[in-house]
Amino acid sequence: MLMVDRIILAMLNKQREEAHKTEWKISLRCKVLQVLGAILIALGLFIDWSPPQEANLPDTASFFVIVGVLIMATGFLLALRRE
């Protein structure tokens, strides 16, 4: 019986460690997405980009801001889903 208890405890510890690793990976992914979004927004707002060569293309600054907001929102939603 003692051997079975040790095996069960070992399995529970392994599951806890795997859950902790998964939580850490998700947390890191959220932070990376938020930082990447903030960098793109900063690039769009603070750097003076040349105008687009073709009239139908969007402005580079607005493109970076829009993509940055989308990436940052993805990071926030992923963080909210985790909790």
PDB file of N, CA and C in Angstrom:
ATOM      1  N   MET A   1       0.821  -1.191   0.000  1.00  0.00           N
ATOM      2  CA  MET A   1       0.000   0.000   0.000  1.00  0.00           C
ATOM      3  C   MET A   1       0.866   1.256   0.000  1.00  0.00           C
ATOM      4  N   LEU A   2       1.969   1.214   0.735  1.00  0.00           N
ATOM      5  CA  LEU A   2       2.861   2.365   0.821  1.00  0.00           C
ATOM      6  C   LEU A   2       3.471   2.681  -0.537  1.00  0.00           C
ATOM      7  N   MET A   3       3.775   1.663  -1.315  1.00  0.00           N
ATOM      8  CA  MET A   3       4.347   1.853  -2.636  1.00  0.00           C
ATOM      9  C   MET A   3       3.339   2.535  -3.565  1.00  0.00           C
ATOM     10  N   VAL A   4       2.075   2.152  -3.469  1.00  0.00           N
ATOM     11  CA  VAL A   4       1.028   2.749  -4.292  1.00  0.00           C
ATOM     12  C   VAL A   4       0.861   4.222  -3.950  1.00  0.00           C
ATOM     13  N   ASP A   5       0.912   4.541  -2.664  1.00  0.00           N
ATOM     14  CA  ASP A   5       0.803   5.942  -2.247  1.00  0.00           C
ATOM     15  C   ASP A   5       1.951   6.788  -2.800  1.00  0.00           C
ATOM     16  N   ARG A   6       3.143   6.237  -2.791  1.00  0.00           N
ATOM     17  CA  ARG A   6       4.292   6.972  -3.336  1.00  0.00           C
ATOM     18  C   ARG A   6       4.137   7.206  -4.838  1.00  0.00           C
ATOM     19  N   ILE A   7       3.637   6.202  -5.529  1.00  0.00           N
ATOM     20  CA  ILE A   7       3.433   6.336  -6.974  1.00  0.00           C
ATOM     21  C   ILE A   7       2.378   7.403  -7.257  1.00  0.00           C
ATOM     22  N   ILE A   8       1.303   7.394  -6.489  1.00  0.00           N
ATOM     23  CA  ILE A   8       0.241   8.394  -6.670  1.00  0.00           C
ATOM     24  C   ILE A   8       0.772   9.790  -6.371  1.00  0.00           C
ATOM     25  N   LEU A   9       1.548   9.939  -5.294  1.00  0.00           N
ATOM     26  CA  LEU A   9       2.133  11.240  -4.959  1.00  0.00           C
ATOM     27  C   LEU A   9       3.085  11.718  -6.044  1.00  0.00           C
ATOM     28  N   ALA A  10       3.866  10.807  -6.596  1.00  0.00           N
ATOM     29  CA  ALA A  10       4.788  11.175  -7.673  1.00  0.00           C
ATOM     30  C   ALA A  10       4.019  11.642  -8.904  1.00  0.00           C
ATOM     31  N   MET A  11       2.928  10.966  -9.212  1.00  0.00           N
ATOM     32  CA  MET A  11       2.122  11.363 -10.366  1.00  0.00           C
ATOM     33  C   MET A  11       1.470  12.731 -10.128  1.00  0.00           C
ATOM     34  N   LEU A  12       0.986  12.974  -8.912  1.00  0.00           N
ATOM     35  CA  LEU A  12       0.383  14.272  -8.592  1.00  0.00           C
ATOM     36  C   LEU A  12       1.412  15.399  -8.672  1.00  0.00           C
ATOM     37  N   ASN A  13       2.610  15.143  -8.182  1.00  0.00           N
ATOM     38  CA  ASN A  13       3.669  16.159  -8.265  1.00  0.00           C
ATOM     39  C   ASN A  13       4.027  16.467  -9.712  1.00  0.00           C
ATOM     40  N   LYS A  14       4.073  15.435 -10.529  1.00  0.00           N
ATOM     41  CA  LYS A  14       4.385  15.630 -11.947  1.00  0.00           C
ATOM     42  C   LYS A  14       3.294  16.461 -12.622  1.00  0.00           C
ATOM     43  N   GLN A  15       2.029  16.182 -12.303  1.00  0.00           N
ATOM     44  CA  GLN A  15       0.923  16.960 -12.875  1.00  0.00           C
ATOM     45  C   GLN A  15       0.982  18.409 -12.430  1.00  0.00           C
ATOM     46  N   ARG A  16       1.323  18.641 -11.161  1.00  0.00           N
ATOM     47  CA  ARG A  16       1.444  20.024 -10.661  1.00  0.00           C
ATOM     48  C   ARG A  16       2.556  20.777 -11.375  1.00  0.00           C
ATOM     49  N   GLU A  17       3.691  20.099 -11.567  1.00  0.00           N
ATOM     50  CA  GLU A  17       4.809  20.737 -12.266  1.00  0.00           C
ATOM     51  C   GLU A  17       4.449  21.076 -13.702  1.00  0.00           C
ATOM     52  N   GLU A  18       3.752  20.161 -14.376  1.00  0.00           N
ATOM     53  CA  GLU A  18       3.343  20.425 -15.753  1.00  0.00           C
ATOM     54  C   GLU A  18       2.339  21.573 -15.819  1.00  0.00           C
ATOM     55  N   ALA A  19       1.422  21.634 -14.866  1.00  0.00           N
ATOM     56  CA  ALA A  19       0.457  22.737 -14.826  1.00  0.00           C
ATOM     57  C   ALA A  19       1.172  24.059 -14.572  1.00  0.00           C
ATOM     58  N   HIS A  20       2.167  24.038 -13.696  1.00  0.00           N
ATOM     59  CA  HIS A  20       2.932  25.256 -13.411  1.00  0.00           C
ATOM     60  C   HIS A  20       3.708  25.706 -14.643  1.00  0.00           C
ATOM     61  N   LYS A  21       4.310  24.762 -15.372  1.00  0.00           N
ATOM     62  CA  LYS A  21       5.038  25.105 -16.596  1.00  0.00           C
ATOM     63  C   LYS A  21       4.098  25.695 -17.641  1.00  0.00           C
ATOM     64  N   THR A  22       2.920  25.117 -17.777  1.00  0.00           N
ATOM     65  CA  THR A  22       1.948  25.619 -18.745  1.00  0.00           C
ATOM     66  C   THR A  22       1.504  27.029 -18.383  1.00  0.00           C
ATOM     67  N   GLU A  23       1.226  27.270 -17.111  1.00  0.00           N
ATOM     68  CA  GLU A  23       0.839  28.613 -16.658  1.00  0.00           C
ATOM     69  C   GLU A  23       1.955  29.616 -16.932  1.00  0.00           C
ATOM     70  N   TRP A  24       3.202  29.216 -16.695  1.00  0.00           N
ATOM     71  CA  TRP A  24       4.323  30.113 -16.916  1.00  0.00           C
ATOM     72  C   TRP A  24       4.465  30.437 -18.401  1.00  0.00           C
ATOM     73  N   LYS A  25       4.286  29.440 -19.262  1.00  0.00           N
ATOM     74  CA  LYS A  25       4.384  29.669 -20.703  1.00  0.00           C
ATOM     75  C   LYS A  25       3.290  30.607 -21.197  1.00  0.00           C
ATOM     76  N   ILE A  26       2.073  30.418 -20.701  1.00  0.00           N
ATOM     77  CA  ILE A  26       0.966  31.283 -21.109  1.00  0.00           C
ATOM     78  C   ILE A  26       1.205  32.701 -20.615  1.00  0.00           C
ATOM     79  N   SER A  27       1.684  32.842 -19.392  1.00  0.00           N
ATOM     80  CA  SER A  27       1.975  34.162 -18.842  1.00  0.00           C
ATOM     81  C   SER A  27       3.060  34.867 -19.656  1.00  0.00           C
ATOM     82  N   LEU A  28       4.089  34.130 -20.009  1.00  0.00           N
ATOM     83  CA  LEU A  28       5.166  34.706 -20.821  1.00  0.00           C
ATOM     84  C   LEU A  28       4.656  35.126 -22.189  1.00  0.00           C
ATOM     85  N   ARG A  29       3.804  34.295 -22.792  1.00  0.00           N
ATOM     86  CA  ARG A  29       3.244  34.609 -24.106  1.00  0.00           C
ATOM     87  C   ARG A  29       2.402  35.882 -24.045  1.00  0.00           C
ATOM     88  N   CYS A  30       1.614  36.046 -22.986  1.00  0.00           N
ATOM     89  CA  CYS A  30       0.800  37.262 -22.819  1.00  0.00           C
ATOM     90  C   CYS A  30       1.690  38.496 -22.742  1.00  0.00           C
ATOM     91  N   LYS A  31       2.736  38.403 -21.937  1.00  0.00           N
ATOM     92  CA  LYS A  31       3.634  39.546 -21.762  1.00  0.00           C
ATOM     93  C   LYS A  31       4.359  39.891 -23.061  1.00  0.00           C
ATOM     94  N   VAL A  32       4.796  38.872 -23.791  1.00  0.00           N
ATOM     95  CA  VAL A  32       5.492  39.111 -25.061  1.00  0.00           C
ATOM     96  C   VAL A  32       4.564  39.794 -26.057  1.00  0.00           C
ATOM     97  N   LEU A  33       3.313  39.343 -26.145  1.00  0.00           N
ATOM     98  CA  LEU A  33       2.360  39.969 -27.058  1.00  0.00           C
ATOM     99  C   LEU A  33       2.088  41.418 -26.679  1.00  0.00           C
ATOM    100  N   GLN A  34       1.963  41.696 -25.394  1.00  0.00           N
ATOM    101  CA  GLN A  34       1.706  43.062 -24.957  1.00  0.00           C
ATOM    102  C   GLN A  34       2.895  43.979 -25.235  1.00  0.00           C
ATOM    103  N   VAL A  35       4.098  43.485 -25.005  1.00  0.00           N
ATOM    104  CA  VAL A  35       5.300  44.291 -25.279  1.00  0.00           C
ATOM    105  C   VAL A  35       5.463  44.520 -26.775  1.00  0.00           C
ATOM    106  N   LEU A  36       5.237  43.492 -27.577  1.00  0.00           N
ATOM    107  CA  LEU A  36       5.337  43.637 -29.025  1.00  0.00           C
ATOM    108  C   LEU A  36       4.317  44.643 -29.543  1.00  0.00           C
ATOM    109  N   GLY A  37       3.096  44.576 -29.022  1.00  0.00           N
ATOM    110  CA  GLY A  37       2.074  45.547 -29.413  1.00  0.00           C
ATOM    111  C   GLY A  37       2.468  46.964 -29.036  1.00  0.00           C
ATOM    112  N   ALA A  38       3.017  47.141 -27.844  1.00  0.00           N
ATOM    113  CA  ALA A  38       3.448  48.473 -27.411  1.00  0.00           C
ATOM    114  C   ALA A  38       4.585  49.002 -28.282  1.00  0.00           C
ATOM    115  N   ILE A  39       5.500  48.126 -28.675  1.00  0.00           N
ATOM    116  CA  ILE A  39       6.612  48.550 -29.548  1.00  0.00           C
ATOM    117  C   ILE A  39       6.082  48.988 -30.907  1.00  0.00           C
ATOM    118  N   LEU A  40       5.150  48.217 -31.467  1.00  0.00           N
ATOM    119  CA  LEU A  40       4.589  48.596 -32.769  1.00  0.00           C
ATOM    120  C   LEU A  40       3.824  49.914 -32.690  1.00  0.00           C
ATOM    121  N   ILE A  41       3.072  50.112 -31.618  1.00  0.00           N
ATOM    122  CA  ILE A  41       2.348  51.372 -31.452  1.00  0.00           C
ATOM    123  C   ILE A  41       3.334  52.532 -31.339  1.00  0.00           C
ATOM    124  N   ALA A  42       4.402  52.340 -30.572  1.00  0.00           N
ATOM    125  CA  ALA A  42       5.415  53.393 -30.430  1.00  0.00           C
ATOM    126  C   ALA A  42       6.089  53.689 -31.766  1.00  0.00           C
ATOM    127  N   LEU A  43       6.378  52.655 -32.548  1.00  0.00           N
ATOM    128  CA  LEU A  43       6.969  52.876 -33.874  1.00  0.00           C
ATOM    129  C   LEU A  43       6.024  53.674 -34.764  1.00  0.00           C
ATOM    130  N   GLY A  44       4.738  53.346 -34.682  1.00  0.00           N
ATOM    131  CA  GLY A  44       3.773  54.058 -35.509  1.00  0.00           C
ATOM    132  C   GLY A  44       3.580  55.501 -35.088  1.00  0.00           C
ATOM    133  N   LEU A  45       3.682  55.771 -33.787  1.00  0.00           N
ATOM    134  CA  LEU A  45       3.406  57.129 -33.306  1.00  0.00           C
ATOM    135  C   LEU A  45       4.620  58.060 -33.331  1.00  0.00           C
ATOM    136  N   PHE A  46       5.793  57.539 -33.051  1.00  0.00           N
ATOM    137  CA  PHE A  46       6.939  58.410 -32.808  1.00  0.00           C
ATOM    138  C   PHE A  46       7.967  58.470 -33.937  1.00  0.00           C
ATOM    139  N   ILE A  47       7.840  57.656 -34.971  1.00  0.00           N
ATOM    140  CA  ILE A  47       8.789  57.702 -36.086  1.00  0.00           C
ATOM    141  C   ILE A  47       8.091  58.321 -37.292  1.00  0.00           C
ATOM    142  N   ASP A  48       8.804  59.211 -37.930  1.00  0.00           N
ATOM    143  CA  ASP A  48       8.251  59.880 -39.106  1.00  0.00           C
ATOM    144  C   ASP A  48       8.543  59.027 -40.334  1.00  0.00           C
ATOM    145  N   TRP A  49       7.520  58.354 -40.852  1.00  0.00           N
ATOM    146  CA  TRP A  49       7.671  57.469 -41.986  1.00  0.00           C
ATOM    147  C   TRP A  49       7.419  58.219 -43.276  1.00  0.00           C
ATOM    148  N   SER A  50       8.057  57.785 -44.345  1.00  0.00           N
ATOM    149  CA  SER A  50       7.816  58.398 -45.653  1.00  0.00           C
ATOM    150  C   SER A  50       6.414  58.018 -46.130  1.00  0.00           C
ATOM    151  N   PRO A  51       5.805  58.859 -46.968  1.00  0.00           N
ATOM    152  CA  PRO A  51       4.458  58.534 -47.447  1.00  0.00           C
ATOM    153  C   PRO A  51       4.488  57.292 -48.340  1.00  0.00           C
ATOM    154  N   PRO A  52       3.367  56.579 -48.450  1.00  0.00           N
ATOM    155  CA  PRO A  52       3.347  55.369 -49.275  1.00  0.00           C
ATOM    156  C   PRO A  52       3.557  55.690 -50.752  1.00  0.00           C
ATOM    157  N   GLN A  53       4.164  54.751 -51.461  1.00  0.00           N
ATOM    158  CA  GLN A  53       4.453  54.936 -52.879  1.00  0.00           C
ATOM    159  C   GLN A  53       3.192  54.844 -53.734  1.00  0.00           C
ATOM    160  N   GLU A  54       2.267  53.998 -53.324  1.00  0.00           N
ATOM    161  CA  GLU A  54       1.013  53.856 -54.063  1.00  0.00           C
ATOM    162  C   GLU A  54      -0.125  54.445 -53.241  1.00  0.00           C
ATOM    163  N   ALA A  55      -1.109  54.988 -53.935  1.00  0.00           N
ATOM    164  CA  ALA A  55      -2.196  55.672 -53.252  1.00  0.00           C
ATOM    165  C   ALA A  55      -3.112  54.714 -52.489  1.00  0.00           C
ATOM    166  N   ASN A  56      -3.219  53.467 -52.930  1.00  0.00           N
ATOM    167  CA  ASN A  56      -4.157  52.553 -52.278  1.00  0.00           C
ATOM    168  C   ASN A  56      -3.569  51.872 -51.039  1.00  0.00           C
ATOM    169  N   LEU A  57      -2.273  52.072 -50.752  1.00  0.00           N
ATOM    170  CA  LEU A  57      -1.670  51.480 -49.559  1.00  0.00           C
ATOM    171  C   LEU A  57      -1.919  52.363 -48.341  1.00  0.00           C
ATOM    172  N   PRO A  58      -2.103  51.769 -47.178  1.00  0.00           N
ATOM    173  CA  PRO A  58      -2.296  52.586 -45.973  1.00  0.00           C
ATOM    174  C   PRO A  58      -0.988  53.236 -45.530  1.00  0.00           C
ATOM    175  N   ASP A  59      -1.102  54.251 -44.751  1.00  0.00           N
ATOM    176  CA  ASP A  59       0.061  54.924 -44.188  1.00  0.00           C
ATOM    177  C   ASP A  59       0.780  53.964 -43.237  1.00  0.00           C
ATOM    178  N   THR A  60       2.109  53.968 -43.242  1.00  0.00           N
ATOM    179  CA  THR A  60       2.877  53.037 -42.419  1.00  0.00           C
ATOM    180  C   THR A  60       2.608  53.250 -40.942  1.00  0.00           C
ATOM    181  N   ALA A  61       2.521  54.506 -40.518  1.00  0.00           N
ATOM    182  CA  ALA A  61       2.293  54.793 -39.104  1.00  0.00           C
ATOM    183  C   ALA A  61       0.947  54.243 -38.648  1.00  0.00           C
ATOM    184  N   SER A  62      -0.095  54.477 -39.410  1.00  0.00           N
ATOM    185  CA  SER A  62      -1.403  53.967 -39.000  1.00  0.00           C
ATOM    186  C   SER A  62      -1.447  52.440 -39.046  1.00  0.00           C
ATOM    187  N   PHE A  63      -0.747  51.848 -40.001  1.00  0.00           N
ATOM    188  CA  PHE A  63      -0.686  50.390 -40.074  1.00  0.00           C
ATOM    189  C   PHE A  63      -0.043  49.818 -38.815  1.00  0.00           C
ATOM    190  N   PHE A  64       1.094  50.393 -38.394  1.00  0.00           N
ATOM    191  CA  PHE A  64       1.769  49.911 -37.184  1.00  0.00           C
ATOM    192  C   PHE A  64       0.896  50.106 -35.948  1.00  0.00           C
ATOM    193  N   VAL A  65       0.197  51.212 -35.864  1.00  0.00           N
ATOM    194  CA  VAL A  65      -0.667  51.445 -34.709  1.00  0.00           C
ATOM    195  C   VAL A  65      -1.806  50.432 -34.680  1.00  0.00           C
ATOM    196  N   ILE A  66      -2.432  50.187 -35.822  1.00  0.00           N
ATOM    197  CA  ILE A  66      -3.551  49.242 -35.875  1.00  0.00           C
ATOM    198  C   ILE A  66      -3.083  47.825 -35.543  1.00  0.00           C
ATOM    199  N   VAL A  67      -1.986  47.394 -36.140  1.00  0.00           N
ATOM    200  CA  VAL A  67      -1.470  46.056 -35.856  1.00  0.00           C
ATOM    201  C   VAL A  67      -1.016  45.949 -34.404  1.00  0.00           C
ATOM    202  N   GLY A  68      -0.396  47.007 -33.879  1.00  0.00           N
ATOM    203  CA  GLY A  68       0.017  47.002 -32.472  1.00  0.00           C
ATOM    204  C   GLY A  68      -1.155  46.883 -31.526  1.00  0.00           C
ATOM    205  N   VAL A  69      -2.239  47.599 -31.817  1.00  0.00           N
ATOM    206  CA  VAL A  69      -3.433  47.515 -30.971  1.00  0.00           C
ATOM    207  C   VAL A  69      -4.032  46.111 -31.034  1.00  0.00           C
ATOM    208  N   LEU A  70      -4.074  45.523 -32.219  1.00  0.00           N
ATOM    209  CA  LEU A  70      -4.609  44.169 -32.348  1.00  0.00           C
ATOM    210  C   LEU A  70      -3.768  43.143 -31.587  1.00  0.00           C
ATOM    211  N   ILE A  71      -2.457  43.254 -31.693  1.00  0.00           N
ATOM    212  CA  ILE A  71      -1.577  42.317 -30.993  1.00  0.00           C
ATOM    213  C   ILE A  71      -1.675  42.516 -29.483  1.00  0.00           C
ATOM    214  N   MET A  72      -1.729  43.767 -29.038  1.00  0.00           N
ATOM    215  CA  MET A  72      -1.841  44.030 -27.612  1.00  0.00           C
ATOM    216  C   MET A  72      -3.183  43.531 -27.070  1.00  0.00           C
ATOM    217  N   ALA A  73      -4.252  43.719 -27.833  1.00  0.00           N
ATOM    218  CA  ALA A  73      -5.562  43.225 -27.412  1.00  0.00           C
ATOM    219  C   ALA A  73      -5.563  41.703 -27.324  1.00  0.00           C
ATOM    220  N   THR A  74      -4.863  41.051 -28.238  1.00  0.00           N
ATOM    221  CA  THR A  74      -4.749  39.591 -28.187  1.00  0.00           C
ATOM    222  C   THR A  74      -4.047  39.157 -26.905  1.00  0.00           C
ATOM    223  N   GLY A  75      -2.990  39.875 -26.534  1.00  0.00           N
ATOM    224  CA  GLY A  75      -2.287  39.563 -25.287  1.00  0.00           C
ATOM    225  C   GLY A  75      -3.169  39.748 -24.067  1.00  0.00           C
ATOM    226  N   PHE A  76      -3.954  40.829 -24.051  1.00  0.00           N
ATOM    227  CA  PHE A  76      -4.862  41.060 -22.925  1.00  0.00           C
ATOM    228  C   PHE A  76      -5.947  39.994 -22.855  1.00  0.00           C
ATOM    229  N   LEU A  77      -6.515  39.636 -24.000  1.00  0.00           N
ATOM    230  CA  LEU A  77      -7.559  38.613 -24.005  1.00  0.00           C
ATOM    231  C   LEU A  77      -7.010  37.253 -23.578  1.00  0.00           C
ATOM    232  N   LEU A  78      -5.793  36.951 -23.986  1.00  0.00           N
ATOM    233  CA  LEU A  78      -5.173  35.702 -23.571  1.00  0.00           C
ATOM    234  C   LEU A  78      -4.929  35.698 -22.068  1.00  0.00           C
ATOM    235  N   ALA A  79      -4.536  36.853 -21.528  1.00  0.00           N
ATOM    236  CA  ALA A  79      -4.319  36.950 -20.079  1.00  0.00           C
ATOM    237  C   ALA A  79      -5.643  36.813 -19.329  1.00  0.00           C
ATOM    238  N   LEU A  80      -6.700  37.389 -19.853  1.00  0.00           N
ATOM    239  CA  LEU A  80      -8.003  37.281 -19.195  1.00  0.00           C
ATOM    240  C   LEU A  80      -8.538  35.854 -19.264  1.00  0.00           C
ATOM    241  N   ARG A  81      -8.314  35.197 -20.368  1.00  0.00           N
ATOM    242  CA  ARG A  81      -8.785  33.821 -20.520  1.00  0.00           C
ATOM    243  C   ARG A  81      -8.076  32.884 -19.560  1.00  0.00           C
ATOM    244  N   ARG A  82      -6.823  33.207 -19.269  1.00  0.00           N
ATOM    245  CA  ARG A  82      -6.030  32.366 -18.371  1.00  0.00           C
ATOM    246  C   ARG A  82      -6.605  32.394 -16.960  1.00  0.00           C
ATOM    247  N   GLU A  83      -7.144  33.528 -16.539  1.00  0.00           N
ATOM    248  CA  GLU A  83      -7.684  33.644 -15.183  1.00  0.00           C
ATOM    249  C   GLU A  83      -9.114  33.308 -15.208  1.00  0.00           C
TER     250      GLU A  83
END
